[in-house]
Amino acid sequence: MNDAFLMKAWKGDLGEEVLLLSDDNCDFMRAIGCELDLSDKPIGLGVRSHRYAMFVEDSIMKVLNLEDGGAFNVSNAEDLLKALREFRFRFVMKLGQNCKTYEV
């Protein structure tokens, strides 16, 4: 949910091996349950996305590190890499009762 200018800057830094996708209408954000309504806040930010880090392989979401509110505790690069290492060592990954796999 970033603007085109930020996405272009990231792409310039990351190169061709990384695919960046935009979610202009917030359809994906809503589908994975990451909607965060900040309309009632003093500066009226409207509907945004929770902060998260995701790993997708072969169109299957393998890891979703979802932050609570405005926190920055599990979506950083180190935590995603840790989750990927743990995932690789398990045949079946169980993230909890409410975990769902979404096709993207």
PDB file of N, CA and C in Angstrom:
ATOM      1  N   MET A   1       0.821  -1.180   0.000  1.00  0.00           N
ATOM      2  CA  MET A   1       0.000   0.000   0.000  1.00  0.00           C
ATOM      3  C   MET A   1       0.864   1.242   0.000  1.00  0.00           C
ATOM      4  N   ASN A   2       1.931   1.217  -0.718  1.00  0.00           N
ATOM      5  CA  ASN A   2       2.767   2.391  -0.814  1.00  0.00           C
ATOM      6  C   ASN A   2       2.539   3.070  -2.149  1.00  0.00           C
ATOM      7  N   ASP A   3       2.872   4.344  -2.194  1.00  0.00           N
ATOM      8  CA  ASP A   3       2.630   5.074  -3.431  1.00  0.00           C
ATOM      9  C   ASP A   3       3.638   4.682  -4.509  1.00  0.00           C
ATOM     10  N   ALA A   4       3.323   5.076  -5.722  1.00  0.00           N
ATOM     11  CA  ALA A   4       4.134   4.688  -6.880  1.00  0.00           C
ATOM     12  C   ALA A   4       5.565   5.206  -6.781  1.00  0.00           C
ATOM     13  N   PHE A   5       5.761   6.359  -6.178  1.00  0.00           N
ATOM     14  CA  PHE A   5       7.094   6.938  -6.062  1.00  0.00           C
ATOM     15  C   PHE A   5       7.984   6.109  -5.136  1.00  0.00           C
ATOM     16  N   LEU A   6       7.427   5.667  -4.027  1.00  0.00           N
ATOM     17  CA  LEU A   6       8.177   4.834  -3.091  1.00  0.00           C
ATOM     18  C   LEU A   6       8.477   3.474  -3.712  1.00  0.00           C
ATOM     19  N   MET A   7       7.488   2.898  -4.387  1.00  0.00           N
ATOM     20  CA  MET A   7       7.692   1.598  -5.037  1.00  0.00           C
ATOM     21  C   MET A   7       8.795   1.700  -6.095  1.00  0.00           C
ATOM     22  N   LYS A   8       8.820   2.788  -6.846  1.00  0.00           N
ATOM     23  CA  LYS A   8       9.850   2.974  -7.873  1.00  0.00           C
ATOM     24  C   LYS A   8      11.234   3.088  -7.235  1.00  0.00           C
ATOM     25  N   ALA A   9      11.335   3.808  -6.129  1.00  0.00           N
ATOM     26  CA  ALA A   9      12.613   3.951  -5.426  1.00  0.00           C
ATOM     27  C   ALA A   9      13.092   2.607  -4.895  1.00  0.00           C
ATOM     28  N   TRP A  10      12.183   1.828  -4.294  1.00  0.00           N
ATOM     29  CA  TRP A  10      12.555   0.509  -3.805  1.00  0.00           C
ATOM     30  C   TRP A  10      13.041  -0.371  -4.945  1.00  0.00           C
ATOM     31  N   LYS A  11      12.327  -0.344  -6.064  1.00  0.00           N
ATOM     32  CA  LYS A  11      12.694  -1.171  -7.207  1.00  0.00           C
ATOM     33  C   LYS A  11      14.090  -0.808  -7.699  1.00  0.00           C
ATOM     34  N   GLY A  12      14.395   0.489  -7.714  1.00  0.00           N
ATOM     35  CA  GLY A  12      15.729   0.920  -8.128  1.00  0.00           C
ATOM     36  C   GLY A  12      16.813   0.378  -7.223  1.00  0.00           C
ATOM     37  N   ASP A  13      16.528   0.281  -5.933  1.00  0.00           N
ATOM     38  CA  ASP A  13      17.492  -0.235  -4.962  1.00  0.00           C
ATOM     39  C   ASP A  13      17.594  -1.754  -4.995  1.00  0.00           C
ATOM     40  N   LEU A  14      16.477  -2.439  -5.261  1.00  0.00           N
ATOM     41  CA  LEU A  14      16.435  -3.895  -5.165  1.00  0.00           C
ATOM     42  C   LEU A  14      16.824  -4.617  -6.446  1.00  0.00           C
ATOM     43  N   GLY A  15      16.579  -4.000  -7.579  1.00  0.00           N
ATOM     44  CA  GLY A  15      16.929  -4.642  -8.845  1.00  0.00           C
ATOM     45  C   GLY A  15      15.822  -5.521  -9.387  1.00  0.00           C
ATOM     46  N   GLU A  16      16.127  -6.202 -10.470  1.00  0.00           N
ATOM     47  CA  GLU A  16      15.133  -6.974 -11.210  1.00  0.00           C
ATOM     48  C   GLU A  16      14.739  -8.289 -10.551  1.00  0.00           C
ATOM     49  N   GLU A  17      15.549  -8.814  -9.638  1.00  0.00           N
ATOM     50  CA  GLU A  17      15.241 -10.120  -9.066  1.00  0.00           C
ATOM     51  C   GLU A  17      14.122 -10.085  -8.027  1.00  0.00           C
ATOM     52  N   VAL A  18      13.638  -8.906  -7.670  1.00  0.00           N
ATOM     53  CA  VAL A  18      12.561  -8.768  -6.692  1.00  0.00           C
ATOM     54  C   VAL A  18      11.328  -8.207  -7.394  1.00  0.00           C
ATOM     55  N   LEU A  19      10.193  -8.874  -7.203  1.00  0.00           N
ATOM     56  CA  LEU A  19       8.935  -8.444  -7.787  1.00  0.00           C
ATOM     57  C   LEU A  19       8.163  -7.642  -6.748  1.00  0.00           C
ATOM     58  N   LEU A  20       7.861  -6.403  -7.056  1.00  0.00           N
ATOM     59  CA  LEU A  20       7.073  -5.558  -6.166  1.00  0.00           C
ATOM     60  C   LEU A  20       5.656  -5.461  -6.715  1.00  0.00           C
ATOM     61  N   LEU A  21       4.675  -5.632  -5.847  1.00  0.00           N
ATOM     62  CA  LEU A  21       3.277  -5.569  -6.236  1.00  0.00           C
ATOM     63  C   LEU A  21       2.558  -4.523  -5.406  1.00  0.00           C
ATOM     64  N   SER A  22       1.679  -3.781  -6.035  1.00  0.00           N
ATOM     65  CA  SER A  22       0.899  -2.763  -5.356  1.00  0.00           C
ATOM     66  C   SER A  22      -0.496  -3.305  -5.043  1.00  0.00           C
ATOM     67  N   ASP A  23      -1.087  -2.805  -3.994  1.00  0.00           N
ATOM     68  CA  ASP A  23      -2.440  -3.193  -3.588  1.00  0.00           C
ATOM     69  C   ASP A  23      -3.297  -1.934  -3.507  1.00  0.00           C
ATOM     70  N   ASP A  24      -3.459  -1.270  -4.647  1.00  0.00           N
ATOM     71  CA  ASP A  24      -4.115   0.039  -4.707  1.00  0.00           C
ATOM     72  C   ASP A  24      -5.493   0.078  -4.061  1.00  0.00           C
ATOM     73  N   ASN A  25      -6.291  -0.955  -4.258  1.00  0.00           N
ATOM     74  CA  ASN A  25      -7.656  -0.974  -3.721  1.00  0.00           C
ATOM     75  C   ASN A  25      -7.756  -1.670  -2.375  1.00  0.00           C
ATOM     76  N   CYS A  26      -6.637  -2.095  -1.832  1.00  0.00           N
ATOM     77  CA  CYS A  26      -6.564  -2.759  -0.525  1.00  0.00           C
ATOM     78  C   CYS A  26      -7.273  -4.116  -0.511  1.00  0.00           C
ATOM     79  N   ASP A  27      -7.474  -4.717  -1.662  1.00  0.00           N
ATOM     80  CA  ASP A  27      -8.150  -6.018  -1.736  1.00  0.00           C
ATOM     81  C   ASP A  27      -7.354  -7.112  -1.041  1.00  0.00           C
ATOM     82  N   PHE A  28      -6.069  -7.173  -1.311  1.00  0.00           N
ATOM     83  CA  PHE A  28      -5.224  -8.195  -0.691  1.00  0.00           C
ATOM     84  C   PHE A  28      -5.144  -7.973   0.813  1.00  0.00           C
ATOM     85  N   MET A  29      -4.951  -6.727   1.221  1.00  0.00           N
ATOM     86  CA  MET A  29      -4.860  -6.401   2.642  1.00  0.00           C
ATOM     87  C   MET A  29      -6.101  -6.885   3.384  1.00  0.00           C
ATOM     88  N   ARG A  30      -7.264  -6.646   2.830  1.00  0.00           N
ATOM     89  CA  ARG A  30      -8.512  -7.079   3.470  1.00  0.00           C
ATOM     90  C   ARG A  30      -8.623  -8.611   3.452  1.00  0.00           C
ATOM     91  N   ALA A  31      -8.200  -9.245   2.359  1.00  0.00           N
ATOM     92  CA  ALA A  31      -8.307 -10.703   2.240  1.00  0.00           C
ATOM     93  C   ALA A  31      -7.484 -11.432   3.290  1.00  0.00           C
ATOM     94  N   ILE A  32      -6.344 -10.860   3.683  1.00  0.00           N
ATOM     95  CA  ILE A  32      -5.514 -11.526   4.688  1.00  0.00           C
ATOM     96  C   ILE A  32      -5.779 -10.988   6.101  1.00  0.00           C
ATOM     97  N   GLY A  33      -6.774 -10.109   6.229  1.00  0.00           N
ATOM     98  CA  GLY A  33      -7.179  -9.628   7.546  1.00  0.00           C
ATOM     99  C   GLY A  33      -6.249  -8.614   8.166  1.00  0.00           C
ATOM    100  N   CYS A  34      -5.592  -7.807   7.343  1.00  0.00           N
ATOM    101  CA  CYS A  34      -4.618  -6.838   7.856  1.00  0.00           C
ATOM    102  C   CYS A  34      -5.137  -5.407   7.878  1.00  0.00           C
ATOM    103  N   GLU A  35      -6.441  -5.241   7.751  1.00  0.00           N
ATOM    104  CA  GLU A  35      -7.025  -3.900   7.722  1.00  0.00           C
ATOM    105  C   GLU A  35      -6.896  -3.233   9.087  1.00  0.00           C
ATOM    106  N   LEU A  36      -6.497  -1.984   9.070  1.00  0.00           N
ATOM    107  CA  LEU A  36      -6.323  -1.195  10.283  1.00  0.00           C
ATOM    108  C   LEU A  36      -6.981   0.155  10.047  1.00  0.00           C
ATOM    109  N   ASP A  37      -8.093   0.410  10.714  1.00  0.00           N
ATOM    110  CA  ASP A  37      -8.838   1.649  10.515  1.00  0.00           C
ATOM    111  C   ASP A  37      -8.333   2.709  11.487  1.00  0.00           C
ATOM    112  N   LEU A  38      -7.683   3.717  10.939  1.00  0.00           N
ATOM    113  CA  LEU A  38      -7.144   4.815  11.746  1.00  0.00           C
ATOM    114  C   LEU A  38      -7.915   6.112  11.496  1.00  0.00           C
ATOM    115  N   SER A  39      -9.152   5.987  11.033  1.00  0.00           N
ATOM    116  CA  SER A  39      -9.967   7.161  10.721  1.00  0.00           C
ATOM    117  C   SER A  39     -10.250   8.010  11.950  1.00  0.00           C
ATOM    118  N   ASP A  40     -10.335   7.392  13.107  1.00  0.00           N
ATOM    119  CA  ASP A  40     -10.674   8.121  14.331  1.00  0.00           C
ATOM    120  C   ASP A  40      -9.467   8.778  15.003  1.00  0.00           C
ATOM    121  N   LYS A  41      -8.291   8.625  14.435  1.00  0.00           N
ATOM    122  CA  LYS A  41      -7.088   9.220  15.018  1.00  0.00           C
ATOM    123  C   LYS A  41      -7.052  10.727  14.714  1.00  0.00           C
ATOM    124  N   PRO A  42      -6.333  11.495  15.519  1.00  0.00           N
ATOM    125  CA  PRO A  42      -6.319  12.956  15.353  1.00  0.00           C
ATOM    126  C   PRO A  42      -5.956  13.442  13.942  1.00  0.00           C
ATOM    127  N   ILE A  43      -5.072  12.757  13.267  1.00  0.00           N
ATOM    128  CA  ILE A  43      -4.708  13.246  11.928  1.00  0.00           C
ATOM    129  C   ILE A  43      -5.472  12.510  10.831  1.00  0.00           C
ATOM    130  N   GLY A  44      -6.413  11.628  11.193  1.00  0.00           N
ATOM    131  CA  GLY A  44      -7.300  10.981  10.245  1.00  0.00           C
ATOM    132  C   GLY A  44      -6.602  10.261   9.107  1.00  0.00           C
ATOM    133  N   LEU A  45      -5.879   9.218   9.409  1.00  0.00           N
ATOM    134  CA  LEU A  45      -5.127   8.492   8.393  1.00  0.00           C
ATOM    135  C   LEU A  45      -5.995   7.573   7.546  1.00  0.00           C
ATOM    136  N   GLY A  46      -7.222   7.296   7.952  1.00  0.00           N
ATOM    137  CA  GLY A  46      -8.097   6.419   7.187  1.00  0.00           C
ATOM    138  C   GLY A  46      -7.735   4.965   7.365  1.00  0.00           C
ATOM    139  N   VAL A  47      -8.137   4.147   6.406  1.00  0.00           N
ATOM    140  CA  VAL A  47      -7.874   2.714   6.463  1.00  0.00           C
ATOM    141  C   VAL A  47      -6.475   2.445   5.926  1.00  0.00           C
ATOM    142  N   ARG A  48      -5.707   1.772   6.719  1.00  0.00           N
ATOM    143  CA  ARG A  48      -4.325   1.437   6.379  1.00  0.00           C
ATOM    144  C   ARG A  48      -4.140  -0.069   6.542  1.00  0.00           C
ATOM    145  N   SER A  49      -2.930  -0.507   6.389  1.00  0.00           N
ATOM    146  CA  SER A  49      -2.597  -1.909   6.605  1.00  0.00           C
ATOM    147  C   SER A  49      -1.762  -2.040   7.868  1.00  0.00           C
ATOM    148  N   HIS A  50      -2.018  -3.120   8.610  1.00  0.00           N
ATOM    149  CA  HIS A  50      -1.104  -3.457   9.699  1.00  0.00           C
ATOM    150  C   HIS A  50       0.277  -3.668   9.081  1.00  0.00           C
ATOM    151  N   ARG A  51       1.304  -3.460   9.846  1.00  0.00           N
ATOM    152  CA  ARG A  51       2.660  -3.744   9.383  1.00  0.00           C
ATOM    153  C   ARG A  51       2.889  -5.245   9.464  1.00  0.00           C
ATOM    154  N   TYR A  52       3.483  -5.796   8.418  1.00  0.00           N
ATOM    155  CA  TYR A  52       3.771  -7.222   8.414  1.00  0.00           C
ATOM    156  C   TYR A  52       4.921  -7.522   7.466  1.00  0.00           C
ATOM    157  N   ALA A  53       5.511  -8.688   7.663  1.00  0.00           N
ATOM    158  CA  ALA A  53       6.494  -9.234   6.737  1.00  0.00           C
ATOM    159  C   ALA A  53       5.955 -10.586   6.297  1.00  0.00           C
ATOM    160  N   MET A  54       6.052 -10.851   4.999  1.00  0.00           N
ATOM    161  CA  MET A  54       5.476 -12.067   4.445  1.00  0.00           C
ATOM    162  C   MET A  54       6.474 -12.740   3.518  1.00  0.00           C
ATOM    163  N   PHE A  55       6.477 -14.069   3.571  1.00  0.00           N
ATOM    164  CA  PHE A  55       7.253 -14.848   2.615  1.00  0.00           C
ATOM    165  C   PHE A  55       6.283 -15.687   1.807  1.00  0.00           C
ATOM    166  N   VAL A  56       6.338 -15.535   0.472  1.00  0.00           N
ATOM    167  CA  VAL A  56       5.462 -16.262  -0.443  1.00  0.00           C
ATOM    168  C   VAL A  56       6.344 -17.086  -1.364  1.00  0.00           C
ATOM    169  N   GLU A  57       6.000 -18.367  -1.485  1.00  0.00           N
ATOM    170  CA  GLU A  57       6.745 -19.264  -2.360  1.00  0.00           C
ATOM    171  C   GLU A  57       5.756 -20.034  -3.222  1.00  0.00           C
ATOM    172  N   ASP A  58       5.964 -20.014  -4.521  1.00  0.00           N
ATOM    173  CA  ASP A  58       5.072 -20.701  -5.457  1.00  0.00           C
ATOM    174  C   ASP A  58       3.616 -20.307  -5.235  1.00  0.00           C
ATOM    175  N   SER A  59       3.391 -19.021  -5.038  1.00  0.00           N
ATOM    176  CA  SER A  59       2.053 -18.436  -4.850  1.00  0.00           C
ATOM    177  C   SER A  59       1.358 -18.881  -3.567  1.00  0.00           C
ATOM    178  N   ILE A  60       2.107 -19.420  -2.620  1.00  0.00           N
ATOM    179  CA  ILE A  60       1.555 -19.831  -1.324  1.00  0.00           C
ATOM    180  C   ILE A  60       2.247 -19.022  -0.228  1.00  0.00           C
ATOM    181  N   MET A  61       1.432 -18.404   0.645  1.00  0.00           N
ATOM    182  CA  MET A  61       1.995 -17.679   1.775  1.00  0.00           C
ATOM    183  C   MET A  61       2.541 -18.699   2.769  1.00  0.00           C
ATOM    184  N   LYS A  62       3.839 -18.657   3.005  1.00  0.00           N
ATOM    185  CA  LYS A  62       4.492 -19.606   3.913  1.00  0.00           C
ATOM    186  C   LYS A  62       4.664 -19.018   5.305  1.00  0.00           C
ATOM    187  N   VAL A  63       4.966 -17.722   5.369  1.00  0.00           N
ATOM    188  CA  VAL A  63       5.200 -17.058   6.654  1.00  0.00           C
ATOM    189  C   VAL A  63       4.524 -15.702   6.623  1.00  0.00           C
ATOM    190  N   LEU A  64       3.789 -15.380   7.687  1.00  0.00           N
ATOM    191  CA  LEU A  64       3.215 -14.054   7.863  1.00  0.00           C
ATOM    192  C   LEU A  64       3.534 -13.600   9.279  1.00  0.00           C
ATOM    193  N   ASN A  65       4.418 -12.636   9.397  1.00  0.00           N
ATOM    194  CA  ASN A  65       4.751 -12.034  10.695  1.00  0.00           C
ATOM    195  C   ASN A  65       3.961 -10.737  10.799  1.00  0.00           C
ATOM    196  N   LEU A  66       2.849 -10.797  11.514  1.00  0.00           N
ATOM    197  CA  LEU A  66       1.909  -9.690  11.612  1.00  0.00           C
ATOM    198  C   LEU A  66       2.121  -8.924  12.908  1.00  0.00           C
ATOM    199  N   GLU A  67       2.301  -7.621  12.773  1.00  0.00           N
ATOM    200  CA  GLU A  67       2.491  -6.768  13.949  1.00  0.00           C
ATOM    201  C   GLU A  67       1.150  -6.424  14.588  1.00  0.00           C
ATOM    202  N   ASP A  68       1.190  -6.145  15.871  1.00  0.00           N
ATOM    203  CA  ASP A  68       0.008  -5.715  16.605  1.00  0.00           C
ATOM    204  C   ASP A  68      -0.010  -4.192  16.639  1.00  0.00           C
ATOM    205  N   GLY A  69      -1.066  -3.595  16.093  1.00  0.00           N
ATOM    206  CA  GLY A  69      -1.172  -2.136  16.082  1.00  0.00           C
ATOM    207  C   GLY A  69      -0.029  -1.508  15.328  1.00  0.00           C
ATOM    208  N   GLY A  70       0.629  -0.544  15.923  1.00  0.00           N
ATOM    209  CA  GLY A  70       1.741   0.143  15.285  1.00  0.00           C
ATOM    210  C   GLY A  70       3.100  -0.381  15.706  1.00  0.00           C
ATOM    211  N   ALA A  71       3.125  -1.557  16.288  1.00  0.00           N
ATOM    212  CA  ALA A  71       4.384  -2.123  16.796  1.00  0.00           C
ATOM    213  C   ALA A  71       5.342  -2.483  15.661  1.00  0.00           C
ATOM    214  N   PHE A  72       6.596  -2.650  16.014  1.00  0.00           N
ATOM    215  CA  PHE A  72       7.627  -3.091  15.078  1.00  0.00           C
ATOM    216  C   PHE A  72       8.493  -4.111  15.805  1.00  0.00           C
ATOM    217  N   ASN A  73       7.892  -5.295  16.055  1.00  0.00           N
ATOM    218  CA  ASN A  73       8.560  -6.327  16.844  1.00  0.00           C
ATOM    219  C   ASN A  73       8.862  -7.609  16.077  1.00  0.00           C
ATOM    220  N   VAL A  74       8.059  -7.952  15.068  1.00  0.00           N
ATOM    221  CA  VAL A  74       8.233  -9.232  14.373  1.00  0.00           C
ATOM    222  C   VAL A  74       8.326  -9.104  12.853  1.00  0.00           C
ATOM    223  N   SER A  75       8.196  -7.892  12.327  1.00  0.00           N
ATOM    224  CA  SER A  75       8.202  -7.732  10.873  1.00  0.00           C
ATOM    225  C   SER A  75       9.536  -7.231  10.331  1.00  0.00           C
ATOM    226  N   ASN A  76      10.537  -7.176  11.167  1.00  0.00           N
ATOM    227  CA  ASN A  76      11.853  -6.734  10.678  1.00  0.00           C
ATOM    228  C   ASN A  76      12.550  -7.883   9.946  1.00  0.00           C
ATOM    229  N   ALA A  77      13.602  -7.565   9.245  1.00  0.00           N
ATOM    230  CA  ALA A  77      14.305  -8.550   8.412  1.00  0.00           C
ATOM    231  C   ALA A  77      14.844  -9.715   9.237  1.00  0.00           C
ATOM    232  N   GLU A  78      15.393  -9.437  10.407  1.00  0.00           N
ATOM    233  CA  GLU A  78      15.967 -10.503  11.226  1.00  0.00           C
ATOM    234  C   GLU A  78      14.909 -11.510  11.648  1.00  0.00           C
ATOM    235  N   ASP A  79      13.728 -11.016  12.042  1.00  0.00           N
ATOM    236  CA  ASP A  79      12.668 -11.919  12.472  1.00  0.00           C
ATOM    237  C   ASP A  79      12.107 -12.733  11.316  1.00  0.00           C
ATOM    238  N   LEU A  80      12.019 -12.133  10.122  1.00  0.00           N
ATOM    239  CA  LEU A  80      11.552 -12.886   8.963  1.00  0.00           C
ATOM    240  C   LEU A  80      12.562 -13.976   8.592  1.00  0.00           C
ATOM    241  N   LEU A  81      13.839 -13.645   8.616  1.00  0.00           N
ATOM    242  CA  LEU A  81      14.861 -14.655   8.325  1.00  0.00           C
ATOM    243  C   LEU A  81      14.833 -15.788   9.350  1.00  0.00           C
ATOM    244  N   LYS A  82      14.621 -15.446  10.614  1.00  0.00           N
ATOM    245  CA  LYS A  82      14.507 -16.467  11.660  1.00  0.00           C
ATOM    246  C   LYS A  82      13.308 -17.374  11.384  1.00  0.00           C
ATOM    247  N   ALA A  83      12.184 -16.778  11.024  1.00  0.00           N
ATOM    248  CA  ALA A  83      10.990 -17.563  10.722  1.00  0.00           C
ATOM    249  C   ALA A  83      11.221 -18.460   9.515  1.00  0.00           C
ATOM    250  N   LEU A  84      11.948 -17.969   8.527  1.00  0.00           N
ATOM    251  CA  LEU A  84      12.244 -18.780   7.351  1.00  0.00           C
ATOM    252  C   LEU A  84      13.135 -19.971   7.699  1.00  0.00           C
ATOM    253  N   ARG A  85      14.122 -19.746   8.568  1.00  0.00           N
ATOM    254  CA  ARG A  85      14.980 -20.861   8.995  1.00  0.00           C
ATOM    255  C   ARG A  85      14.160 -21.911   9.733  1.00  0.00           C
ATOM    256  N   GLU A  86      13.276 -21.457  10.629  1.00  0.00           N
ATOM    257  CA  GLU A  86      12.430 -22.394  11.369  1.00  0.00           C
ATOM    258  C   GLU A  86      11.496 -23.134  10.425  1.00  0.00           C
ATOM    259  N   PHE A  87      10.964 -22.432   9.457  1.00  0.00           N
ATOM    260  CA  PHE A  87      10.051 -23.037   8.488  1.00  0.00           C
ATOM    261  C   PHE A  87      10.757 -24.119   7.679  1.00  0.00           C
ATOM    262  N   ARG A  88      11.951 -23.850   7.281  1.00  0.00           N
ATOM    263  CA  ARG A  88      12.706 -24.799   6.457  1.00  0.00           C
ATOM    264  C   ARG A  88      13.002 -26.095   7.199  1.00  0.00           C
ATOM    265  N   PHE A  89      13.061 -26.051   8.528  1.00  0.00           N
ATOM    266  CA  PHE A  89      13.379 -27.248   9.287  1.00  0.00           C
ATOM    267  C   PHE A  89      12.144 -28.031   9.706  1.00  0.00           C
ATOM    268  N   ARG A  90      10.987 -27.564   9.340  1.00  0.00           N
ATOM    269  CA  ARG A  90       9.750 -28.260   9.678  1.00  0.00           C
ATOM    270  C   ARG A  90       9.055 -28.712   8.407  1.00  0.00           C
ATOM    271  N   PHE A  91       8.534 -29.893   8.448  1.00  0.00           N
ATOM    272  CA  PHE A  91       7.757 -30.371   7.294  1.00  0.00           C
ATOM    273  C   PHE A  91       6.391 -29.702   7.295  1.00  0.00           C
ATOM    274  N   VAL A  92       5.808 -29.589   8.468  1.00  0.00           N
ATOM    275  CA  VAL A  92       4.518 -28.921   8.613  1.00  0.00           C
ATOM    276  C   VAL A  92       4.700 -27.785   9.589  1.00  0.00           C
ATOM    277  N   MET A  93       4.302 -26.615   9.183  1.00  0.00           N
ATOM    278  CA  MET A  93       4.427 -25.437  10.044  1.00  0.00           C
ATOM    279  C   MET A  93       3.057 -25.109  10.602  1.00  0.00           C
ATOM    280  N   LYS A  94       2.955 -25.040  11.900  1.00  0.00           N
ATOM    281  CA  LYS A  94       1.690 -24.733  12.537  1.00  0.00           C
ATOM    282  C   LYS A  94       1.838 -23.401  13.259  1.00  0.00           C
ATOM    283  N   LEU A  95       1.129 -22.387  12.769  1.00  0.00           N
ATOM    284  CA  LEU A  95       1.220 -21.048  13.346  1.00  0.00           C
ATOM    285  C   LEU A  95       0.113 -20.770  14.352  1.00  0.00           C
ATOM    286  N   GLY A  96      -0.802 -21.688  14.514  1.00  0.00           N
ATOM    287  CA  GLY A  96      -1.901 -21.478  15.439  1.00  0.00           C
ATOM    288  C   GLY A  96      -3.217 -21.940  14.836  1.00  0.00           C
ATOM    289  N   GLN A  97      -4.239 -21.948  15.641  1.00  0.00           N
ATOM    290  CA  GLN A  97      -5.529 -22.459  15.214  1.00  0.00           C
ATOM    291  C   GLN A  97      -6.161 -21.623  14.106  1.00  0.00           C
ATOM    292  N   ASN A  98      -5.946 -20.324  14.107  1.00  0.00           N
ATOM    293  CA  ASN A  98      -6.612 -19.440  13.168  1.00  0.00           C
ATOM    294  C   ASN A  98      -5.796 -19.167  11.911  1.00  0.00           C
ATOM    295  N   CYS A  99      -4.681 -19.846  11.740  1.00  0.00           N
ATOM    296  CA  CYS A  99      -3.817 -19.612  10.582  1.00  0.00           C
ATOM    297  C   CYS A  99      -4.464 -20.153   9.330  1.00  0.00           C
ATOM    298  N   LYS A 100      -4.426 -19.377   8.262  1.00  0.00           N
ATOM    299  CA  LYS A 100      -4.979 -19.795   6.991  1.00  0.00           C
ATOM    300  C   LYS A 100      -3.909 -19.632   5.924  1.00  0.00           C
ATOM    301  N   THR A 101      -4.002 -20.412   4.875  1.00  0.00           N
ATOM    302  CA  THR A 101      -3.119 -20.272   3.726  1.00  0.00           C
ATOM    303  C   THR A 101      -3.903 -19.597   2.624  1.00  0.00           C
ATOM    304  N   TYR A 102      -3.356 -18.545   2.071  1.00  0.00           N
ATOM    305  CA  TYR A 102      -4.016 -17.801   1.012  1.00  0.00           C
ATOM    306  C   TYR A 102      -3.232 -17.953  -0.282  1.00  0.00           C
ATOM    307  N   GLU A 103      -3.935 -18.197  -1.360  1.00  0.00           N
ATOM    308  CA  GLU A 103      -3.321 -18.182  -2.676  1.00  0.00           C
ATOM    309  C   GLU A 103      -3.170 -16.722  -3.068  1.00  0.00           C
ATOM    310  N   VAL A 104      -2.008 -16.356  -3.577  1.00  0.00           N
ATOM    311  CA  VAL A 104      -1.789 -14.976  -4.032  1.00  0.00           C
ATOM    312  C   VAL A 104      -1.406 -14.972  -5.485  1.00  0.00           C
TER     313      VAL A 104
END
